[in-house]
């Protein structure tokens, strides 16, 4: 079980700090930022995150490494890769197809080699034993249907960070900010306002989802 504490209200950020939000690989960077430069981090939002690669994550990343050079063309590579990224509804309603067309039309594509180099630090990322040193108020968000960074990864991160809140977004996958931007933005905005003291204590307690809650779409 997770315990919600008054950690966020006790924390006093220094001048010059910022609310930091990281997604997927960016969440790994955000963890390191909070660990190495705590004075710069007013609060932390980690979405689709992990702290240590397991066998599943490693196998997935190795497949992606192979995929970008062995797929018959870029379209086929994107169609396969996006199976890990988007919900079935995004595939069914044409969202994924639209994103593929936009990606293929972009004049400055990432090279397969650059993508492969990007994967290498994903596998090496390991902060699990250091996360208890993070003092900033932290919200960890996971998509219920995320198969790239399943909720168990986010749960492990939240368990390791003192006072962190863990919430699962019902029906969402790896990129909830893209598929359900209103839901995602509202949740993050509410957290930031709470950290900044804009939500009164009693109102905040009443409206705030419990730790580990599944947030409906």
Protein backbone atom coordinates (compact mmCIF):
# COMPACT_ATOMS: atom_id res chain seq x y z
CA UNK A 1 0.00 0.00 0.00
CA UNK A 2 1.11 3.54 -0.66
CA UNK A 3 0.82 6.31 1.86
CA UNK A 4 0.09 9.87 0.92
CA UNK A 5 1.88 12.33 3.16
CA UNK A 6 1.95 16.10 3.57
CA UNK A 7 5.40 16.02 1.93
CA UNK A 8 4.33 18.39 -0.85
CA UNK A 9 3.09 21.03 1.57
CA UNK A 10 6.22 20.83 3.75
CA UNK A 11 8.61 21.21 0.84
CA UNK A 12 9.96 24.71 0.27
CA UNK A 13 11.62 25.11 -3.10
CA UNK A 14 14.43 27.63 -3.51
CA UNK A 15 14.22 30.54 -5.89
CA UNK A 16 15.08 29.59 -9.43
CA UNK A 17 13.62 26.11 -9.24
CA UNK A 18 11.08 24.81 -11.75
CA UNK A 19 8.30 22.29 -12.07
CA UNK A 20 9.89 19.46 -14.05
CA UNK A 21 7.88 16.99 -16.14
CA UNK A 22 9.49 14.09 -17.95
CA UNK A 23 7.98 11.51 -20.26
CA UNK A 24 9.48 8.09 -21.08
CA UNK A 25 13.18 8.69 -21.82
CA UNK A 26 12.68 12.23 -20.61
CA UNK A 27 11.46 10.85 -17.29
CA UNK A 28 14.80 9.09 -16.87
CA UNK A 29 16.53 12.43 -17.47
CA UNK A 30 14.16 14.12 -15.00
CA UNK A 31 15.04 11.56 -12.34
CA UNK A 32 18.72 12.28 -12.79
CA UNK A 33 18.08 16.03 -12.69
CA UNK A 34 16.22 15.72 -9.39
CA UNK A 35 19.01 13.55 -7.97
CA UNK A 36 21.96 15.60 -9.16
CA UNK A 37 20.50 19.11 -8.94
CA UNK A 38 17.70 19.00 -6.35
CA UNK A 39 17.81 22.77 -5.91
CA UNK A 40 16.58 23.16 -9.50
CA UNK A 41 13.48 20.97 -9.10
CA UNK A 42 10.37 22.44 -7.47
CA UNK A 43 8.26 19.40 -8.29
CA UNK A 44 8.53 16.31 -10.43
CA UNK A 45 6.02 14.67 -12.79
CA UNK A 46 7.16 11.35 -14.23
CA UNK A 47 5.02 9.85 -16.99
CA UNK A 48 5.53 6.41 -18.55
CA UNK A 49 8.61 5.99 -16.43
CA UNK A 50 10.91 3.28 -15.13
CA UNK A 51 13.89 3.07 -12.80
CA UNK A 52 15.58 -0.13 -13.89
CA UNK A 53 15.27 -2.24 -17.04
CA UNK A 54 13.97 -5.76 -16.52
CA UNK A 55 14.11 -8.71 -18.91
CA UNK A 56 10.91 -7.66 -20.69
CA UNK A 57 12.05 -4.07 -21.17
CA UNK A 58 15.46 -5.24 -22.40
CA UNK A 59 13.93 -7.63 -24.94
CA UNK A 60 11.58 -4.90 -26.18
CA UNK A 61 14.40 -2.40 -26.63
CA UNK A 62 16.53 -4.95 -28.45
CA UNK A 63 13.63 -5.63 -30.82
CA UNK A 64 13.28 -1.91 -31.50
CA UNK A 65 17.02 -1.76 -32.19
CA UNK A 66 16.62 -4.52 -34.78
CA UNK A 67 13.34 -3.18 -36.16
CA UNK A 68 14.57 0.16 -37.50
CA UNK A 69 17.17 -1.43 -39.78
CA UNK A 70 15.44 -4.70 -40.68
CA UNK A 71 11.93 -3.48 -41.48
CA UNK A 72 11.29 -3.28 -45.24
CA UNK A 73 10.73 0.49 -45.07
CA UNK A 74 10.13 3.33 -42.64
CA UNK A 75 6.35 2.99 -42.81
CA UNK A 76 6.52 -0.65 -41.81
CA UNK A 77 8.91 0.19 -38.96
CA UNK A 78 6.53 2.87 -37.65
CA UNK A 79 3.50 0.60 -37.92
CA UNK A 80 5.28 -2.04 -35.83
CA UNK A 81 6.81 0.38 -33.33
CA UNK A 82 3.52 2.18 -32.67
CA UNK A 83 1.95 -1.06 -31.47
CA UNK A 84 3.88 -0.43 -28.24
CA UNK A 85 2.99 3.25 -28.06
CA UNK A 86 -0.70 3.84 -28.73
CA UNK A 87 -3.99 2.39 -27.53
CA UNK A 88 -6.16 0.11 -29.67
CA UNK A 89 -8.63 2.98 -30.04
CA UNK A 90 -5.92 5.17 -31.59
CA UNK A 91 -5.23 2.44 -34.13
CA UNK A 92 -8.96 2.00 -34.80
CA UNK A 93 -9.94 5.64 -35.19
CA UNK A 94 -7.18 6.60 -37.62
CA UNK A 95 -5.02 8.52 -35.14
CA UNK A 96 -2.03 6.24 -35.61
CA UNK A 97 -2.31 6.38 -39.39
CA UNK A 98 -2.40 10.17 -39.26
CA UNK A 99 0.68 10.25 -37.03
CA UNK A 100 2.50 7.91 -39.40
CA UNK A 101 1.72 10.17 -42.37
CA UNK A 102 2.90 13.24 -40.43
CA UNK A 103 6.09 11.45 -39.40
CA UNK A 104 6.87 10.36 -42.94
CA UNK A 105 6.27 13.92 -44.21
CA UNK A 106 8.68 15.46 -41.69
CA UNK A 107 11.71 16.75 -43.63
CA UNK A 108 14.28 16.00 -40.91
CA UNK A 109 13.77 12.39 -39.81
CA UNK A 110 15.82 10.75 -37.10
CA UNK A 111 18.29 8.27 -38.57
CA UNK A 112 18.07 4.59 -37.57
CA UNK A 113 21.55 4.89 -36.06
CA UNK A 114 20.51 7.84 -33.90
CA UNK A 115 17.44 5.94 -32.70
CA UNK A 116 19.58 2.93 -31.83
CA UNK A 117 22.00 5.12 -29.88
CA UNK A 118 19.03 6.58 -28.04
CA UNK A 119 18.02 3.12 -26.87
CA UNK A 120 21.39 2.33 -25.29
CA UNK A 121 21.01 4.62 -22.25
CA UNK A 122 17.46 3.35 -21.75
CA UNK A 123 18.88 -0.06 -20.95
CA UNK A 124 21.61 1.37 -18.74
CA UNK A 125 19.29 3.66 -16.80
CA UNK A 126 19.24 2.49 -13.17
CA UNK A 127 18.16 4.88 -10.43
CA UNK A 128 16.11 2.52 -8.27
CA UNK A 129 18.49 2.50 -5.31
CA UNK A 130 19.03 6.28 -5.49
CA UNK A 131 15.42 7.42 -5.83
CA UNK A 132 14.87 7.67 -2.05
CA UNK A 133 17.14 10.73 -2.15
CA UNK A 134 14.57 12.72 -4.18
CA UNK A 135 12.93 15.33 -1.94
CA UNK A 136 10.74 17.19 -4.42
CA UNK A 137 6.97 16.54 -4.45
CA UNK A 138 6.49 13.87 -7.10
CA UNK A 139 3.57 12.63 -9.18
CA UNK A 140 4.05 9.42 -11.16
CA UNK A 141 1.54 8.76 -13.97
CA UNK A 142 1.15 5.49 -15.82
CA UNK A 143 -1.15 4.43 -18.63
CA UNK A 144 -3.28 1.44 -17.71
CA UNK A 145 -2.68 -0.10 -21.15
CA UNK A 146 0.95 0.93 -21.57
CA UNK A 147 2.94 -2.11 -22.69
CA UNK A 148 6.21 -0.25 -23.22
CA UNK A 149 6.49 0.99 -19.64
CA UNK A 150 3.72 -0.89 -17.82
CA UNK A 151 2.22 0.51 -14.62
CA UNK A 152 4.37 -1.80 -12.51
CA UNK A 153 7.40 0.25 -13.57
CA UNK A 154 5.81 3.51 -12.43
CA UNK A 155 4.67 1.88 -9.22
CA UNK A 156 8.24 0.85 -8.41
CA UNK A 157 9.41 4.42 -9.02
CA UNK A 158 6.69 5.88 -6.79
CA UNK A 159 7.40 3.38 -4.03
CA UNK A 160 11.05 4.40 -4.00
CA UNK A 161 10.50 8.20 -3.84
CA UNK A 162 9.42 9.40 -0.38
CA UNK A 163 5.88 10.77 -0.44
CA UNK A 164 5.43 10.23 -4.17
CA UNK A 165 1.93 9.84 -5.55
CA UNK A 166 1.21 7.10 -8.10
CA UNK A 167 -1.81 7.23 -10.39
CA UNK A 168 -2.92 5.04 -13.28
CA UNK A 169 -4.79 6.66 -16.17
CA UNK A 170 -7.57 4.29 -17.15
CA UNK A 171 -7.57 3.14 -20.76
CA UNK A 172 -4.42 5.08 -21.65
CA UNK A 173 -1.17 3.78 -23.11
CA UNK A 174 2.37 5.15 -23.40
CA UNK A 175 1.49 8.69 -24.52
CA UNK A 176 -1.60 9.86 -22.62
CA UNK A 177 -0.73 13.53 -23.18
CA UNK A 178 -1.17 12.94 -26.91
CA UNK A 179 -4.25 10.74 -26.90
CA UNK A 180 -6.09 12.44 -24.01
CA UNK A 181 -4.49 15.87 -23.63
CA UNK A 182 -7.33 17.44 -21.64
CA UNK A 183 -7.26 14.70 -19.02
CA UNK A 184 -3.48 14.71 -18.80
CA UNK A 185 -3.09 18.48 -18.70
CA UNK A 186 -5.78 18.87 -16.04
CA UNK A 187 -4.13 16.30 -13.78
CA UNK A 188 -0.66 17.81 -14.09
CA UNK A 189 -1.98 21.36 -13.71
CA UNK A 190 -3.85 20.39 -10.53
CA UNK A 191 -0.68 18.86 -9.09
CA UNK A 192 1.40 21.94 -9.88
CA UNK A 193 -1.23 24.23 -8.36
CA UNK A 194 -1.29 22.10 -5.25
CA UNK A 195 2.49 22.27 -4.91
CA UNK A 196 2.35 26.04 -5.36
CA UNK A 197 -0.31 26.31 -2.66
CA UNK A 198 -3.06 27.51 -4.97
CA UNK A 199 -5.38 24.70 -3.86
CA UNK A 200 -6.47 25.10 -0.22
CA UNK A 201 -5.50 22.19 2.00
CA UNK A 202 -9.03 20.91 2.65
CA UNK A 203 -10.18 21.39 -0.93
CA UNK A 204 -7.01 19.74 -2.17
CA UNK A 205 -7.54 16.74 0.09
CA UNK A 206 -11.14 16.40 -1.01
CA UNK A 207 -10.48 16.62 -4.75
CA UNK A 208 -7.19 14.76 -4.87
CA UNK A 209 -7.27 11.13 -6.06
CA UNK A 210 -5.84 8.66 -3.59
CA UNK A 211 -2.40 7.27 -4.21
CA UNK A 212 -2.55 4.37 -6.63
CA UNK A 213 -5.93 5.47 -7.95
CA UNK A 214 -7.11 4.73 -11.45
CA UNK A 215 -8.14 8.02 -13.03
CA UNK A 216 -11.11 7.53 -15.39
CA UNK A 217 -11.02 8.98 -18.91
